[in-house]
C-alpha atoms as a PDB file:
ATOM      1  CA  MET A   1     -53.375   8.674  -6.695  1.00  0.00           C
ATOM      2  CA  LYS A   2     -55.638   6.479  -3.741  1.00  0.00           C
ATOM      3  CA  ARG A   3     -55.580   7.434   0.283  1.00  0.00           C
ATOM      4  CA  ILE A   4     -54.125   5.752   2.773  1.00  0.00           C
ATOM      5  CA  THR A   5     -56.331   5.945   6.014  1.00  0.00           C
ATOM      6  CA  TRP A   6     -53.722   4.980   8.182  1.00  0.00           C
ATOM      7  CA  VAL A   7     -51.181   7.315   6.679  1.00  0.00           C
ATOM      8  CA  ASP A   8     -54.122  10.411   6.865  1.00  0.00           C
ATOM      9  CA  PHE A   9     -55.127   9.315  10.655  1.00  0.00           C
ATOM     10  CA  GLY A  10     -51.242  10.333  10.990  1.00  0.00           C
ATOM     11  CA  LYS A  11     -50.937  13.217  10.462  1.00  0.00           C
ATOM     12  CA  GLY A  12     -54.262  14.289  11.332  1.00  0.00           C
ATOM     13  CA  ILE A  13     -52.292  12.437  14.559  1.00  0.00           C
ATOM     14  CA  THR A  14     -49.640  14.345  14.226  1.00  0.00           C
ATOM     15  CA  ILE A  15     -51.761  17.938  13.085  1.00  0.00           C
ATOM     16  CA  LEU A  16     -53.456  17.652  16.046  1.00  0.00           C
ATOM     17  CA  PHE A  17     -50.853  17.361  18.455  1.00  0.00           C
ATOM     18  CA  VAL A  18     -48.724  20.364  16.940  1.00  0.00           C
ATOM     19  CA  VAL A  19     -51.927  22.266  17.363  1.00  0.00           C
ATOM     20  CA  LEU A  20     -51.642  21.248  21.202  1.00  0.00           C
ATOM     21  CA  GLY A  21     -47.837  22.239  21.422  1.00  0.00           C
ATOM     22  CA  HIS A  22     -48.604  25.439  20.342  1.00  0.00           C
ATOM     23  CA  VAL A  23     -51.691  25.884  23.052  1.00  0.00           C
ATOM     24  CA  LEU A  24     -49.439  24.894  26.029  1.00  0.00           C
ATOM     25  CA  THR A  25     -46.540  27.036  24.757  1.00  0.00           C
ATOM     26  CA  GLY A  26     -48.895  29.812  24.986  1.00  0.00           C
ATOM     27  CA  MET A  27     -50.534  28.764  28.308  1.00  0.00           C
ATOM     28  CA  PHE A  28     -46.469  28.635  29.212  1.00  0.00           C
ATOM     29  CA  ASN A  29     -46.456  31.868  28.484  1.00  0.00           C
ATOM     30  CA  THR A  30     -49.366  33.089  30.497  1.00  0.00           C
ATOM     31  CA  PRO A  31     -49.218  34.477  33.958  1.00  0.00           C
ATOM     32  CA  GLY A  32     -52.256  32.112  34.970  1.00  0.00           C
ATOM     33  CA  TYR A  33     -50.693  29.221  34.557  1.00  0.00           C
ATOM     34  CA  SER A  34     -47.149  29.372  36.436  1.00  0.00           C
ATOM     35  CA  ASN A  35     -48.204  27.039  38.893  1.00  0.00           C
ATOM     36  CA  TYR A  36     -47.719  24.282  36.000  1.00  0.00           C
ATOM     37  CA  ASN A  37     -44.043  25.541  33.913  1.00  0.00           C
ATOM     38  CA  GLY A  38     -42.252  21.977  35.067  1.00  0.00           C
ATOM     39  CA  ILE A  39     -45.492  19.298  33.497  1.00  0.00           C
ATOM     40  CA  THR A  40     -46.492  22.106  30.792  1.00  0.00           C
ATOM     41  CA  LYS A  41     -42.187  22.379  29.742  1.00  0.00           C
ATOM     42  CA  THR A  42     -41.956  18.894  29.780  1.00  0.00           C
ATOM     43  CA  SER A  43     -44.912  17.614  27.524  1.00  0.00           C
ATOM     44  CA  ILE A  44     -43.703  20.389  24.954  1.00  0.00           C
ATOM     45  CA  ALA A  45     -40.445  19.247  24.989  1.00  0.00           C
ATOM     46  CA  ILE A  46     -42.165  15.413  24.558  1.00  0.00           C
ATOM     47  CA  ILE A  47     -44.174  16.396  21.665  1.00  0.00           C
ATOM     48  CA  PHE A  48     -42.123  18.980  19.354  1.00  0.00           C
ATOM     49  CA  THR A  49     -38.977  16.299  19.741  1.00  0.00           C
ATOM     50  CA  PHE A  50     -41.015  13.189  17.884  1.00  0.00           C
ATOM     51  CA  ILE A  51     -44.190  15.049  15.996  1.00  0.00           C
ATOM     52  CA  MET A  52     -43.062  16.646  13.307  1.00  0.00           C
ATOM     53  CA  PRO A  53     -40.558  14.168  12.314  1.00  0.00           C
ATOM     54  CA  VAL A  54     -43.334  12.315  12.203  1.00  0.00           C
ATOM     55  CA  PHE A  55     -45.661  13.843  10.165  1.00  0.00           C
ATOM     56  CA  PHE A  56     -42.540  14.589   8.009  1.00  0.00           C
ATOM     57  CA  ALA A  57     -41.884  10.743   7.109  1.00  0.00           C
ATOM     58  CA  LEU A  58     -45.886  10.351   6.876  1.00  0.00           C
ATOM     59  CA  SER A  59     -45.929  12.953   4.338  1.00  0.00           C
ATOM     60  CA  GLY A  60     -42.815  11.315   2.600  1.00  0.00           C
ATOM     61  CA  TYR A  61     -43.820   7.941   2.377  1.00  0.00           C
ATOM     62  CA  LEU A  62     -46.378   8.997  -0.178  1.00  0.00           C
ATOM     63  CA  TYR A  63     -44.001  11.186  -2.265  1.00  0.00           C
ATOM     64  CA  HIS A  64     -43.466  10.157  -5.486  1.00  0.00           C
ATOM     65  CA  PRO A  65     -41.524  12.062  -9.136  1.00  0.00           C
ATOM     66  CA  ASN A  66     -43.513  12.704 -11.531  1.00  0.00           C
ATOM     67  CA  ASN A  67     -41.515  12.149 -14.913  1.00  0.00           C
ATOM     68  CA  GLY A  68     -40.967  14.494 -17.554  1.00  0.00           C
ATOM     69  CA  ILE A  69     -40.234  18.468 -17.590  1.00  0.00           C
ATOM     70  CA  LYS A  70     -43.751  19.008 -17.618  1.00  0.00           C
ATOM     71  CA  ASN A  71     -45.219  17.095 -15.097  1.00  0.00           C
ATOM     72  CA  TYR A  72     -43.230  19.436 -13.050  1.00  0.00           C
ATOM     73  CA  GLY A  73     -43.861  22.303 -14.029  1.00  0.00           C
ATOM     74  CA  ARG A  74     -47.558  21.553 -13.409  1.00  0.00           C
ATOM     75  CA  ASN A  75     -46.189  20.094 -10.249  1.00  0.00           C
ATOM     76  CA  ILE A  76     -44.232  23.124  -9.074  1.00  0.00           C
ATOM     77  CA  LEU A  77     -47.949  25.824 -10.258  1.00  0.00           C
ATOM     78  CA  LYS A  78     -50.661  22.914  -8.371  1.00  0.00           C
ATOM     79  CA  LYS A  79     -48.158  23.947  -5.403  1.00  0.00           C
ATOM     80  CA  ALA A  80     -48.127  27.603  -5.952  1.00  0.00           C
ATOM     81  CA  ILE A  81     -51.877  27.472  -6.218  1.00  0.00           C
ATOM     82  CA  ASN A  82     -52.530  25.379  -3.261  1.00  0.00           C
ATOM     83  CA  LEU A  83     -49.834  26.705  -0.965  1.00  0.00           C
ATOM     84  CA  LEU A  84     -49.508  30.228  -1.610  1.00  0.00           C
ATOM     85  CA  PHE A  85     -53.147  31.483  -2.879  1.00  0.00           C
ATOM     86  CA  PRO A  86     -54.346  30.361   1.146  1.00  0.00           C
ATOM     87  CA  TYR A  87     -51.495  32.237   2.532  1.00  0.00           C
ATOM     88  CA  MET A  88     -51.657  35.707   0.827  1.00  0.00           C
ATOM     89  CA  ILE A  89     -55.756  35.442   1.507  1.00  0.00           C
ATOM     90  CA  PHE A  90     -54.591  34.413   5.299  1.00  0.00           C
ATOM     91  CA  SER A  91     -52.514  36.822   5.672  1.00  0.00           C
ATOM     92  CA  GLU A  92     -54.819  39.723   4.796  1.00  0.00           C
ATOM     93  CA  ASN A  93     -57.971  38.926   6.455  1.00  0.00           C
ATOM     94  CA  TYR A  94     -55.174  39.003  10.022  1.00  0.00           C
ATOM     95  CA  LYS A  95     -53.511  42.268   8.362  1.00  0.00           C
ATOM     96  CA  ASN A  96     -56.991  43.598   8.527  1.00  0.00           C
ATOM     97  CA  LYS A  97     -57.414  42.158  12.129  1.00  0.00           C
ATOM     98  CA  LEU A  98     -54.639  43.803  13.633  1.00  0.00           C
ATOM     99  CA  ALA A  99     -56.064  47.101  11.838  1.00  0.00           C
ATOM    100  CA  THR A 100     -58.725  47.144  13.256  1.00  0.00           C
ATOM    101  CA  CYS A 101     -58.226  44.958  16.853  1.00  0.00           C
ATOM    102  CA  PRO A 102     -55.472  46.814  18.355  1.00  0.00           C
ATOM    103  CA  LYS A 103     -55.886  44.609  21.945  1.00  0.00           C
ATOM    104  CA  ILE A 104     -54.398  41.661  20.100  1.00  0.00           C
ATOM    105  CA  ASN A 105     -50.907  41.326  21.612  1.00  0.00           C
ATOM    106  CA  THR A 106     -48.646  41.965  18.299  1.00  0.00           C
ATOM    107  CA  LYS A 107     -45.367  40.273  20.824  1.00  0.00           C
ATOM    108  CA  TYR A 108     -44.304  37.117  19.224  1.00  0.00           C
ATOM    109  CA  ILE A 109     -45.967  38.242  15.817  1.00  0.00           C
ATOM    110  CA  SER A 110     -44.470  40.000  12.690  1.00  0.00           C
ATOM    111  CA  THR A 111     -46.658  42.478  11.072  1.00  0.00           C
ATOM    112  CA  ARG A 112     -44.300  43.039   8.532  1.00  0.00           C
ATOM    113  CA  LYS A 113     -46.162  43.538   5.227  1.00  0.00           C
ATOM    114  CA  VAL A 114     -46.562  40.002   2.638  1.00  0.00           C
ATOM    115  CA  HIS A 115     -44.244  41.131  -0.823  1.00  0.00           C
ATOM    116  CA  PHE A 116     -45.571  39.524  -3.438  1.00  0.00           C
END
């Protein structure tokens, strides 16, 4: 399928806004930025109110159903490989980083074992 430039651009912008929202959330939880709480709360609310629906709408714009059970199974396998393999690699790397870097703040992070 041919790529649609404006959709790719829009998804990229929304991804950047999600990252910005998470950075602002981290800043909001840091004592050094207590003077900016009002600005940060408002920015986070604005970002997360419209960014995720826009991202899902852009992603849904590209959805097209596959015909046949053979294509469906192949599609599921492809999605599993594309999503689960990087997830497993990231989880293992992160688990190793937590084990070797004791000063990482795990207050908001679940360190449960990943079951496959």
